[in-house]
Amino acid sequence: MTFAFAEPDTQLASREASHRFLNTLAALHGLLRNDFGGFADPAVHDAVGVFSSRIQAFATIHRTLGEDPSQSRIDAAAYLGRLCEELCAAHLAPQGVRCEFRSDSANLPRDVCQNLGLIVVELVTNAAKHAFEGRSGGRVSICLRRAGEGWICQVADNGGGLRGDRVGDGMERVRGLARAIGGALLIHSDAGGVIATVRLTEPDV
């Protein structure tokens, strides 16, 4: 007697694993808020806010990157566009800050897209938190464009420029994420705002 075994539905398994991962992140986010959100200490409150944003960022990036881990290259313009929509709705629109996104057509490696997403999340949330204090409205612009054989990813705001509270661990994280994909971070700041530029020079990106 011969038995025929069906091949496992890898796409279904991947979707189920993705769903479980997102549920785990949601549960972790809820526990963090419930256990530490009531502390009056401003330092604890700020730390909870930072970690909460990180968890939400991982969930957003996981959703927008797609559920098929075998996909080695990603439509970076579509991916970053969806990510920016979520960031705008969550962090900028409630403050009356506009968000603009534009991109050249880009089909980039999955790991590059993941790090670019984390970089954009860090820079946009940093701008939302610090750039427009004491101001009504503003603008954050995100772009991805071809630059010779490489790429430039840029986040710019028209806020009040860099102060001490905007130069710290966040920018070091961005610098490390950029280095991990063969890039470098450049910061320009003046009274008209901040321009953060990540330049990717690897020709195979």
N, C-alpha and C. Protein backbone atom coordinates (compact mmCIF):
# COMPACT_ATOMS: atom_id res chain seq x y z
N MET A 1 0.85 -1.19 0.00
CA MET A 1 0.00 0.00 0.00
C MET A 1 0.89 1.24 0.00
N THR A 2 0.51 2.21 -0.79
CA THR A 2 1.30 3.44 -0.91
C THR A 2 0.51 4.60 -0.33
N PHE A 3 1.18 5.38 0.49
CA PHE A 3 0.55 6.55 1.08
C PHE A 3 1.12 7.81 0.43
N ALA A 4 0.26 8.73 0.12
CA ALA A 4 0.69 10.01 -0.44
C ALA A 4 0.50 11.09 0.62
N PHE A 5 1.56 11.79 0.93
CA PHE A 5 1.50 12.85 1.93
C PHE A 5 1.51 14.20 1.24
N ALA A 6 0.58 15.03 1.60
CA ALA A 6 0.51 16.36 1.00
C ALA A 6 1.67 17.21 1.48
N GLU A 7 2.19 18.02 0.58
CA GLU A 7 3.23 18.96 0.96
C GLU A 7 2.64 20.00 1.91
N PRO A 8 3.38 20.40 2.93
CA PRO A 8 2.84 21.42 3.84
C PRO A 8 2.61 22.73 3.11
N ASP A 9 1.56 23.41 3.50
CA ASP A 9 1.26 24.73 2.93
C ASP A 9 2.16 25.75 3.61
N THR A 10 3.31 26.02 3.00
CA THR A 10 4.30 26.89 3.64
C THR A 10 3.79 28.32 3.76
N GLN A 11 2.99 28.76 2.79
CA GLN A 11 2.47 30.12 2.87
C GLN A 11 1.49 30.26 4.04
N LEU A 12 0.65 29.22 4.22
CA LEU A 12 -0.29 29.25 5.35
C LEU A 12 0.47 29.23 6.67
N ALA A 13 1.49 28.36 6.75
CA ALA A 13 2.29 28.29 7.98
C ALA A 13 2.98 29.62 8.26
N SER A 14 3.46 30.27 7.20
CA SER A 14 4.13 31.57 7.37
C SER A 14 3.14 32.62 7.86
N ARG A 15 1.92 32.61 7.31
CA ARG A 15 0.91 33.58 7.75
C ARG A 15 0.54 33.36 9.21
N GLU A 16 0.41 32.07 9.60
CA GLU A 16 0.06 31.77 10.99
C GLU A 16 1.18 32.21 11.94
N ALA A 17 2.43 31.96 11.54
CA ALA A 17 3.56 32.38 12.37
C ALA A 17 3.61 33.90 12.48
N SER A 18 3.33 34.57 11.37
CA SER A 18 3.32 36.03 11.37
C SER A 18 2.23 36.56 12.30
N HIS A 19 1.06 35.93 12.25
CA HIS A 19 -0.05 36.35 13.10
C HIS A 19 0.30 36.16 14.58
N ARG A 20 0.93 35.03 14.90
CA ARG A 20 1.32 34.78 16.30
C ARG A 20 2.35 35.81 16.76
N PHE A 21 3.28 36.14 15.88
CA PHE A 21 4.31 37.12 16.23
C PHE A 21 3.69 38.48 16.53
N LEU A 22 2.74 38.91 15.69
CA LEU A 22 2.08 40.20 15.91
C LEU A 22 1.26 40.17 17.20
N ASN A 23 0.62 39.04 17.48
CA ASN A 23 -0.14 38.92 18.73
C ASN A 23 0.79 39.01 19.94
N THR A 24 1.98 38.41 19.82
CA THR A 24 2.95 38.48 20.92
C THR A 24 3.40 39.91 21.15
N LEU A 25 3.66 40.64 20.08
CA LEU A 25 4.06 42.04 20.22
C LEU A 25 2.94 42.87 20.86
N ALA A 26 1.70 42.60 20.45
CA ALA A 26 0.57 43.34 21.02
C ALA A 26 0.44 43.05 22.52
N ALA A 27 0.63 41.78 22.90
CA ALA A 27 0.55 41.42 24.32
C ALA A 27 1.67 42.08 25.11
N LEU A 28 2.88 42.08 24.54
CA LEU A 28 4.02 42.72 25.21
C LEU A 28 3.78 44.21 25.39
N HIS A 29 3.23 44.84 24.36
CA HIS A 29 2.93 46.27 24.43
C HIS A 29 1.91 46.54 25.54
N GLY A 30 0.89 45.70 25.63
CA GLY A 30 -0.12 45.88 26.67
C GLY A 30 0.44 45.69 28.06
N LEU A 31 1.29 44.67 28.24
CA LEU A 31 1.91 44.44 29.55
C LEU A 31 2.79 45.60 29.96
N LEU A 32 3.54 46.13 29.02
CA LEU A 32 4.42 47.26 29.32
C LEU A 32 3.61 48.45 29.80
N ARG A 33 2.53 48.76 29.09
CA ARG A 33 1.69 49.90 29.47
C ARG A 33 1.00 49.66 30.82
N ASN A 34 0.50 48.44 31.02
CA ASN A 34 -0.22 48.15 32.26
C ASN A 34 0.69 48.15 33.48
N ASP A 35 1.90 47.58 33.32
CA ASP A 35 2.79 47.42 34.47
C ASP A 35 3.57 48.68 34.81
N PHE A 36 3.88 49.50 33.80
CA PHE A 36 4.76 50.64 34.05
C PHE A 36 4.15 51.99 33.65
N GLY A 37 3.01 51.96 32.97
CA GLY A 37 2.44 53.21 32.47
C GLY A 37 1.96 54.16 33.55
N GLY A 38 1.71 53.64 34.76
CA GLY A 38 1.17 54.49 35.82
C GLY A 38 2.22 55.16 36.68
N PHE A 39 3.50 54.92 36.41
CA PHE A 39 4.55 55.52 37.23
C PHE A 39 4.59 57.04 37.01
N ALA A 40 4.73 57.78 38.11
CA ALA A 40 4.77 59.24 38.01
C ALA A 40 6.15 59.76 37.64
N ASP A 41 7.18 58.96 37.86
CA ASP A 41 8.55 59.39 37.57
C ASP A 41 8.69 59.71 36.08
N PRO A 42 9.07 60.95 35.72
CA PRO A 42 9.17 61.31 34.29
C PRO A 42 10.15 60.42 33.52
N ALA A 43 11.24 59.99 34.17
CA ALA A 43 12.22 59.15 33.49
C ALA A 43 11.60 57.81 33.12
N VAL A 44 10.82 57.23 34.05
CA VAL A 44 10.15 55.96 33.76
C VAL A 44 9.12 56.16 32.66
N HIS A 45 8.37 57.25 32.76
CA HIS A 45 7.35 57.54 31.75
C HIS A 45 7.97 57.66 30.36
N ASP A 46 9.10 58.36 30.26
CA ASP A 46 9.77 58.52 28.97
C ASP A 46 10.30 57.18 28.46
N ALA A 47 10.87 56.37 29.36
CA ALA A 47 11.41 55.07 28.96
C ALA A 47 10.30 54.16 28.44
N VAL A 48 9.15 54.18 29.13
CA VAL A 48 8.01 53.37 28.67
C VAL A 48 7.57 53.82 27.28
N GLY A 49 7.54 55.13 27.08
CA GLY A 49 7.16 55.66 25.77
C GLY A 49 8.11 55.21 24.67
N VAL A 50 9.42 55.23 24.98
CA VAL A 50 10.43 54.82 23.99
C VAL A 50 10.25 53.35 23.63
N PHE A 51 10.16 52.48 24.66
CA PHE A 51 10.02 51.05 24.38
C PHE A 51 8.70 50.73 23.71
N SER A 52 7.65 51.46 24.08
CA SER A 52 6.36 51.27 23.44
C SER A 52 6.45 51.59 21.95
N SER A 53 7.13 52.69 21.62
CA SER A 53 7.30 53.06 20.22
C SER A 53 8.10 52.00 19.46
N ARG A 54 9.13 51.43 20.12
CA ARG A 54 9.93 50.40 19.46
C ARG A 54 9.08 49.17 19.14
N ILE A 55 8.26 48.75 20.09
CA ILE A 55 7.42 47.57 19.87
C ILE A 55 6.46 47.83 18.71
N GLN A 56 5.83 49.00 18.71
CA GLN A 56 4.92 49.34 17.63
C GLN A 56 5.65 49.40 16.29
N ALA A 57 6.89 49.88 16.33
CA ALA A 57 7.68 49.96 15.09
C ALA A 57 7.96 48.58 14.53
N PHE A 58 8.35 47.63 15.40
CA PHE A 58 8.62 46.28 14.93
C PHE A 58 7.36 45.67 14.32
N ALA A 59 6.21 45.91 14.95
CA ALA A 59 4.95 45.38 14.41
C ALA A 59 4.65 45.99 13.04
N THR A 60 4.83 47.30 12.93
CA THR A 60 4.57 47.98 11.66
C THR A 60 5.49 47.46 10.57
N ILE A 61 6.77 47.34 10.88
CA ILE A 61 7.74 46.87 9.89
C ILE A 61 7.44 45.44 9.48
N HIS A 62 7.07 44.61 10.45
CA HIS A 62 6.75 43.22 10.14
C HIS A 62 5.55 43.14 9.19
N ARG A 63 4.53 43.96 9.46
CA ARG A 63 3.35 43.95 8.59
C ARG A 63 3.68 44.45 7.19
N THR A 64 4.41 45.55 7.11
CA THR A 64 4.64 46.17 5.81
C THR A 64 5.68 45.43 4.97
N LEU A 65 6.59 44.69 5.62
CA LEU A 65 7.55 43.91 4.85
C LEU A 65 6.90 42.71 4.17
N GLY A 66 5.76 42.28 4.67
CA GLY A 66 5.10 41.13 4.08
C GLY A 66 5.36 39.87 4.88
N GLU A 67 4.61 38.85 4.56
CA GLU A 67 4.62 37.63 5.36
C GLU A 67 5.48 36.53 4.77
N ASP A 68 6.09 36.74 3.61
CA ASP A 68 6.87 35.70 2.96
C ASP A 68 8.36 35.96 3.17
N PRO A 69 8.99 35.27 4.15
CA PRO A 69 10.40 35.53 4.42
C PRO A 69 11.33 35.08 3.31
N SER A 70 10.82 34.28 2.35
CA SER A 70 11.66 33.83 1.24
C SER A 70 11.83 34.92 0.19
N GLN A 71 11.06 35.98 0.30
CA GLN A 71 11.15 37.09 -0.65
C GLN A 71 12.42 37.88 -0.35
N SER A 72 13.43 37.75 -1.23
CA SER A 72 14.74 38.32 -0.92
C SER A 72 14.83 39.81 -1.22
N ARG A 73 14.02 40.30 -2.14
CA ARG A 73 14.03 41.73 -2.47
C ARG A 73 12.62 42.29 -2.34
N ILE A 74 12.54 43.56 -1.96
CA ILE A 74 11.28 44.19 -1.59
C ILE A 74 11.09 45.46 -2.42
N ASP A 75 9.84 45.75 -2.76
CA ASP A 75 9.50 47.04 -3.36
C ASP A 75 9.62 48.10 -2.26
N ALA A 76 10.79 48.74 -2.20
CA ALA A 76 11.08 49.65 -1.08
C ALA A 76 10.18 50.87 -1.09
N ALA A 77 9.79 51.35 -2.27
CA ALA A 77 8.93 52.53 -2.33
C ALA A 77 7.56 52.23 -1.71
N ALA A 78 6.98 51.08 -2.06
CA ALA A 78 5.68 50.71 -1.50
C ALA A 78 5.79 50.44 0.00
N TYR A 79 6.86 49.75 0.39
CA TYR A 79 7.07 49.41 1.79
C TYR A 79 7.22 50.66 2.66
N LEU A 80 8.11 51.57 2.26
CA LEU A 80 8.32 52.78 3.06
C LEU A 80 7.10 53.69 3.00
N GLY A 81 6.40 53.69 1.87
CA GLY A 81 5.18 54.49 1.78
C GLY A 81 4.14 54.05 2.79
N ARG A 82 3.93 52.73 2.92
CA ARG A 82 2.96 52.22 3.90
C ARG A 82 3.43 52.52 5.32
N LEU A 83 4.73 52.35 5.55
CA LEU A 83 5.28 52.62 6.87
C LEU A 83 5.08 54.09 7.25
N CYS A 84 5.33 54.99 6.32
CA CYS A 84 5.18 56.42 6.60
C CYS A 84 3.72 56.79 6.86
N GLU A 85 2.80 56.14 6.17
CA GLU A 85 1.37 56.39 6.43
C GLU A 85 1.03 56.05 7.89
N GLU A 86 1.53 54.90 8.36
CA GLU A 86 1.25 54.50 9.74
C GLU A 86 1.92 55.44 10.74
N LEU A 87 3.16 55.82 10.45
CA LEU A 87 3.87 56.74 11.35
C LEU A 87 3.17 58.09 11.42
N CYS A 88 2.72 58.57 10.27
CA CYS A 88 2.03 59.86 10.23
C CYS A 88 0.76 59.81 11.07
N ALA A 89 -0.03 58.76 10.87
CA ALA A 89 -1.29 58.65 11.61
C ALA A 89 -1.06 58.54 13.11
N ALA A 90 0.01 57.83 13.50
CA ALA A 90 0.24 57.58 14.93
C ALA A 90 0.95 58.73 15.63
N HIS A 91 1.89 59.40 14.95
CA HIS A 91 2.77 60.34 15.66
C HIS A 91 2.68 61.79 15.18
N LEU A 92 2.37 62.01 13.92
CA LEU A 92 2.44 63.37 13.38
C LEU A 92 1.08 64.05 13.26
N ALA A 93 0.12 63.35 12.67
CA ALA A 93 -1.20 63.95 12.46
C ALA A 93 -1.84 64.45 13.76
N PRO A 94 -1.71 63.71 14.89
CA PRO A 94 -2.30 64.23 16.13
C PRO A 94 -1.74 65.57 16.57
N GLN A 95 -0.53 65.93 16.09
CA GLN A 95 0.06 67.23 16.42
C GLN A 95 -0.19 68.27 15.34
N GLY A 96 -0.93 67.89 14.30
CA GLY A 96 -1.15 68.81 13.20
C GLY A 96 0.04 68.94 12.28
N VAL A 97 0.96 67.96 12.33
CA VAL A 97 2.16 67.98 11.50
C VAL A 97 1.91 67.17 10.22
N ARG A 98 2.22 67.76 9.07
CA ARG A 98 2.05 67.08 7.80
C ARG A 98 3.22 66.13 7.55
N CYS A 99 2.93 65.07 6.81
CA CYS A 99 3.96 64.09 6.45
C CYS A 99 3.95 63.92 4.93
N GLU A 100 5.11 64.07 4.31
CA GLU A 100 5.24 63.91 2.86
C GLU A 100 6.22 62.79 2.57
N PHE A 101 5.88 61.95 1.59
CA PHE A 101 6.77 60.86 1.20
C PHE A 101 6.89 60.81 -0.31
N ARG A 102 8.12 60.62 -0.79
CA ARG A 102 8.33 60.41 -2.22
C ARG A 102 9.51 59.46 -2.39
N SER A 103 9.49 58.72 -3.49
CA SER A 103 10.54 57.72 -3.69
C SER A 103 10.70 57.42 -5.16
N ASP A 104 11.94 57.19 -5.56
CA ASP A 104 12.20 56.58 -6.86
C ASP A 104 11.80 55.11 -6.79
N SER A 105 11.60 54.51 -7.95
CA SER A 105 11.33 53.08 -7.99
C SER A 105 12.54 52.34 -7.44
N ALA A 106 12.30 51.44 -6.48
CA ALA A 106 13.43 50.79 -5.80
C ALA A 106 13.06 49.37 -5.40
N ASN A 107 13.86 48.41 -5.84
CA ASN A 107 13.69 47.01 -5.47
C ASN A 107 14.95 46.60 -4.71
N LEU A 108 14.89 46.65 -3.37
CA LEU A 108 16.09 46.51 -2.55
C LEU A 108 16.06 45.23 -1.73
N PRO A 109 17.25 44.77 -1.29
CA PRO A 109 17.31 43.56 -0.45
C PRO A 109 16.48 43.72 0.82
N ARG A 110 15.94 42.61 1.27
CA ARG A 110 15.04 42.61 2.42
C ARG A 110 15.71 43.19 3.66
N ASP A 111 16.97 42.82 3.93
CA ASP A 111 17.63 43.32 5.13
C ASP A 111 17.86 44.83 5.05
N VAL A 112 18.12 45.34 3.84
CA VAL A 112 18.29 46.78 3.67
C VAL A 112 16.97 47.49 3.96
N CYS A 113 15.87 46.94 3.43
CA CYS A 113 14.56 47.54 3.69
C CYS A 113 14.22 47.54 5.17
N GLN A 114 14.54 46.44 5.84
CA GLN A 114 14.24 46.36 7.27
C GLN A 114 14.98 47.45 8.04
N ASN A 115 16.27 47.62 7.77
CA ASN A 115 17.03 48.65 8.48
C ASN A 115 16.59 50.06 8.10
N LEU A 116 16.27 50.27 6.82
CA LEU A 116 15.75 51.58 6.42
C LEU A 116 14.45 51.89 7.15
N GLY A 117 13.61 50.87 7.32
CA GLY A 117 12.37 51.08 8.07
C GLY A 117 12.63 51.48 9.50
N LEU A 118 13.56 50.80 10.16
CA LEU A 118 13.90 51.15 11.54
C LEU A 118 14.50 52.55 11.63
N ILE A 119 15.31 52.91 10.63
CA ILE A 119 15.89 54.25 10.60
C ILE A 119 14.80 55.31 10.47
N VAL A 120 13.88 55.10 9.54
CA VAL A 120 12.79 56.06 9.34
C VAL A 120 11.93 56.17 10.59
N VAL A 121 11.62 55.04 11.22
CA VAL A 121 10.83 55.06 12.46
C VAL A 121 11.54 55.90 13.52
N GLU A 122 12.83 55.67 13.69
CA GLU A 122 13.59 56.39 14.72
C GLU A 122 13.60 57.89 14.44
N LEU A 123 13.86 58.27 13.19
CA LEU A 123 13.97 59.69 12.86
C LEU A 123 12.62 60.39 12.91
N VAL A 124 11.57 59.73 12.44
CA VAL A 124 10.25 60.36 12.45
C VAL A 124 9.73 60.51 13.88
N THR A 125 9.88 59.47 14.70
CA THR A 125 9.40 59.57 16.08
C THR A 125 10.22 60.60 16.87
N ASN A 126 11.51 60.71 16.55
CA ASN A 126 12.34 61.72 17.19
C ASN A 126 11.85 63.13 16.83
N ALA A 127 11.54 63.32 15.54
CA ALA A 127 11.03 64.62 15.11
C ALA A 127 9.68 64.92 15.76
N ALA A 128 8.81 63.91 15.82
CA ALA A 128 7.49 64.11 16.42
C ALA A 128 7.61 64.51 17.88
N LYS A 129 8.60 63.95 18.57
CA LYS A 129 8.74 64.21 20.00
C LYS A 129 9.39 65.56 20.29
N HIS A 130 10.36 65.96 19.46
CA HIS A 130 11.19 67.11 19.82
C HIS A 130 11.13 68.31 18.87
N ALA A 131 10.85 68.09 17.59
CA ALA A 131 11.06 69.16 16.61
C ALA A 131 10.08 70.31 16.75
N PHE A 132 8.86 70.04 17.20
CA PHE A 132 7.81 71.05 17.11
C PHE A 132 7.29 71.50 18.47
N GLU A 133 8.12 71.35 19.49
CA GLU A 133 7.71 71.79 20.83
C GLU A 133 7.44 73.29 20.83
N GLY A 134 6.28 73.66 21.36
CA GLY A 134 5.93 75.07 21.43
C GLY A 134 5.47 75.66 20.11
N ARG A 135 5.25 74.79 19.11
CA ARG A 135 4.83 75.27 17.80
C ARG A 135 3.53 74.58 17.40
N SER A 136 2.80 75.23 16.53
CA SER A 136 1.57 74.65 16.00
C SER A 136 1.82 74.19 14.57
N GLY A 137 1.71 72.89 14.34
CA GLY A 137 1.89 72.35 13.00
C GLY A 137 3.35 72.25 12.60
N GLY A 138 3.56 71.85 11.35
CA GLY A 138 4.90 71.66 10.82
C GLY A 138 4.87 70.63 9.71
N ARG A 139 6.06 70.21 9.29
CA ARG A 139 6.14 69.26 8.17
C ARG A 139 7.34 68.33 8.38
N VAL A 140 7.12 67.05 8.09
CA VAL A 140 8.20 66.07 8.03
C VAL A 140 8.18 65.44 6.64
N SER A 141 9.32 65.45 5.97
CA SER A 141 9.43 64.90 4.62
C SER A 141 10.37 63.71 4.62
N ILE A 142 9.94 62.63 3.99
CA ILE A 142 10.76 61.42 3.86
C ILE A 142 10.93 61.13 2.39
N CYS A 143 12.16 60.84 1.97
CA CYS A 143 12.36 60.49 0.57
C CYS A 143 13.42 59.40 0.44
N LEU A 144 13.29 58.63 -0.62
CA LEU A 144 14.27 57.61 -1.00
C LEU A 144 14.57 57.85 -2.47
N ARG A 145 15.83 58.11 -2.80
CA ARG A 145 16.16 58.41 -4.19
C ARG A 145 17.50 57.81 -4.58
N ARG A 146 17.61 57.56 -5.87
CA ARG A 146 18.83 57.04 -6.44
C ARG A 146 19.93 58.10 -6.38
N ALA A 147 21.16 57.67 -6.07
CA ALA A 147 22.30 58.58 -6.05
C ALA A 147 23.50 57.83 -6.63
N GLY A 148 23.71 57.97 -7.94
CA GLY A 148 24.76 57.21 -8.59
C GLY A 148 24.45 55.72 -8.54
N GLU A 149 25.40 54.93 -8.01
CA GLU A 149 25.18 53.50 -7.87
C GLU A 149 24.52 53.14 -6.55
N GLY A 150 24.35 54.12 -5.68
CA GLY A 150 23.77 53.87 -4.37
C GLY A 150 22.42 54.54 -4.20
N TRP A 151 22.04 54.75 -2.94
CA TRP A 151 20.75 55.33 -2.61
C TRP A 151 20.90 56.32 -1.47
N ILE A 152 19.97 57.26 -1.42
CA ILE A 152 19.89 58.20 -0.31
C ILE A 152 18.49 58.10 0.29
N CYS A 153 18.45 57.92 1.61
CA CYS A 153 17.20 57.97 2.36
C CYS A 153 17.29 59.17 3.29
N GLN A 154 16.31 60.05 3.20
CA GLN A 154 16.39 61.32 3.91
C GLN A 154 15.10 61.61 4.67
N VAL A 155 15.26 62.07 5.90
CA VAL A 155 14.13 62.52 6.71
C VAL A 155 14.43 63.95 7.14
N ALA A 156 13.53 64.87 6.78
CA ALA A 156 13.75 66.29 7.08
C ALA A 156 12.52 66.86 7.77
N ASP A 157 12.75 67.78 8.71
CA ASP A 157 11.64 68.49 9.35
C ASP A 157 11.92 69.98 9.33
N ASN A 158 10.86 70.77 9.49
CA ASN A 158 11.02 72.22 9.54
C ASN A 158 10.78 72.74 10.95
N GLY A 159 11.28 71.95 11.92
CA GLY A 159 11.15 72.33 13.32
C GLY A 159 12.24 73.28 13.77
N GLY A 160 12.57 73.22 15.05
CA GLY A 160 13.47 74.20 15.63
C GLY A 160 14.94 73.84 15.60
N GLY A 161 15.32 72.78 14.90
CA GLY A 161 16.73 72.40 14.85
C GLY A 161 17.13 71.51 16.01
N LEU A 162 18.36 71.02 15.96
CA LEU A 162 18.84 70.09 16.98
C LEU A 162 19.11 70.81 18.29
N ARG A 163 18.66 70.17 19.36
CA ARG A 163 19.03 70.57 20.71
C ARG A 163 19.62 69.35 21.40
N GLY A 164 20.07 69.53 22.62
CA GLY A 164 20.71 68.43 23.32
C GLY A 164 19.84 67.20 23.45
N ASP A 165 18.51 67.39 23.61
CA ASP A 165 17.63 66.25 23.81
C ASP A 165 17.36 65.48 22.53
N ARG A 166 17.82 66.00 21.38
CA ARG A 166 17.63 65.28 20.13
C ARG A 166 18.91 64.58 19.69
N VAL A 167 20.00 64.82 20.37
CA VAL A 167 21.27 64.19 20.01
C VAL A 167 21.63 63.22 21.12
N GLY A 168 21.42 61.96 20.90
CA GLY A 168 21.66 61.00 21.96
C GLY A 168 21.60 59.59 21.43
N ASP A 169 21.01 58.69 22.24
CA ASP A 169 20.97 57.28 21.88
C ASP A 169 20.26 57.04 20.56
N GLY A 170 19.21 57.82 20.29
CA GLY A 170 18.45 57.61 19.06
C GLY A 170 19.30 57.78 17.82
N MET A 171 20.08 58.84 17.77
CA MET A 171 20.94 59.07 16.60
C MET A 171 22.05 58.03 16.51
N GLU A 172 22.53 57.56 17.66
CA GLU A 172 23.54 56.50 17.63
C GLU A 172 22.95 55.20 17.09
N ARG A 173 21.68 54.93 17.44
CA ARG A 173 21.02 53.75 16.88
C ARG A 173 20.90 53.87 15.37
N VAL A 174 20.51 55.06 14.90
CA VAL A 174 20.40 55.28 13.45
C VAL A 174 21.76 55.08 12.78
N ARG A 175 22.81 55.60 13.40
CA ARG A 175 24.15 55.47 12.84
C ARG A 175 24.54 53.99 12.73
N GLY A 176 24.24 53.22 13.78
CA GLY A 176 24.56 51.79 13.77
C GLY A 176 23.75 51.03 12.73
N LEU A 177 22.47 51.35 12.60
CA LEU A 177 21.62 50.70 11.59
C LEU A 177 22.12 51.01 10.18
N ALA A 178 22.57 52.24 9.97
CA ALA A 178 23.09 52.62 8.66
C ALA A 178 24.39 51.87 8.35
N ARG A 179 25.28 51.79 9.34
CA ARG A 179 26.55 51.08 9.13
C ARG A 179 26.32 49.62 8.79
N ALA A 180 25.30 49.01 9.40
CA ALA A 180 25.03 47.59 9.20
C ALA A 180 24.65 47.26 7.76
N ILE A 181 24.19 48.25 7.00
CA ILE A 181 23.84 48.01 5.59
C ILE A 181 24.75 48.80 4.66
N GLY A 182 25.96 49.09 5.15
CA GLY A 182 26.96 49.75 4.31
C GLY A 182 26.71 51.22 4.08
N GLY A 183 26.02 51.87 5.01
CA GLY A 183 25.68 53.28 4.83
C GLY A 183 26.32 54.17 5.88
N ALA A 184 26.09 55.46 5.72
CA ALA A 184 26.60 56.46 6.67
C ALA A 184 25.51 57.49 6.92
N LEU A 185 25.48 58.01 8.15
CA LEU A 185 24.49 59.01 8.54
C LEU A 185 25.14 60.39 8.55
N LEU A 186 24.47 61.35 7.90
CA LEU A 186 24.89 62.74 7.91
C LEU A 186 23.74 63.58 8.47
N ILE A 187 24.07 64.51 9.37
CA ILE A 187 23.05 65.36 9.99
C ILE A 187 23.36 66.82 9.68
N HIS A 188 22.35 67.54 9.20
CA HIS A 188 22.46 68.99 9.03
C HIS A 188 21.34 69.64 9.84
N SER A 189 21.70 70.64 10.64
CA SER A 189 20.71 71.31 11.48
C SER A 189 20.95 72.81 11.49
N ASP A 190 19.86 73.56 11.38
CA ASP A 190 19.91 75.01 11.57
C ASP A 190 18.56 75.46 12.09
N ALA A 191 18.34 76.75 12.12
CA ALA A 191 17.08 77.27 12.67
C ALA A 191 15.87 76.85 11.86
N GLY A 192 16.09 76.39 10.63
CA GLY A 192 14.98 75.97 9.78
C GLY A 192 14.61 74.51 9.91
N GLY A 193 15.34 73.76 10.75
CA GLY A 193 15.00 72.36 10.95
C GLY A 193 16.19 71.44 10.83
N VAL A 194 15.91 70.15 10.71
CA VAL A 194 16.94 69.11 10.67
C VAL A 194 16.76 68.28 9.41
N ILE A 195 17.88 67.97 8.76
CA ILE A 195 17.89 67.04 7.63
C ILE A 195 18.82 65.89 8.00
N ALA A 196 18.27 64.69 8.11
CA ALA A 196 19.06 63.49 8.40
C ALA A 196 19.14 62.67 7.12
N THR A 197 20.36 62.41 6.66
CA THR A 197 20.57 61.72 5.39
C THR A 197 21.36 60.44 5.62
N VAL A 198 20.81 59.33 5.15
CA VAL A 198 21.54 58.06 5.15
C VAL A 198 21.93 57.76 3.71
N ARG A 199 23.23 57.68 3.48
CA ARG A 199 23.74 57.43 2.13
C ARG A 199 24.24 55.99 2.05
N LEU A 200 23.64 55.23 1.14
CA LEU A 200 24.04 53.85 0.89
C LEU A 200 24.89 53.81 -0.36
N THR A 201 26.12 53.33 -0.23
CA THR A 201 27.06 53.38 -1.35
C THR A 201 27.34 52.01 -1.94
N GLU A 202 26.79 50.94 -1.35
CA GLU A 202 27.06 49.60 -1.87
C GLU A 202 26.46 49.46 -3.27
N PRO A 203 27.24 49.08 -4.28
CA PRO A 203 26.70 48.99 -5.64
C PRO A 203 25.68 47.89 -5.84
N ASP A 204 25.68 46.84 -4.99
CA ASP A 204 24.74 45.74 -5.17
C ASP A 204 23.44 45.95 -4.41
N VAL A 205 23.30 47.08 -3.72
CA VAL A 205 22.06 47.37 -3.00
C VAL A 205 20.95 47.69 -3.99
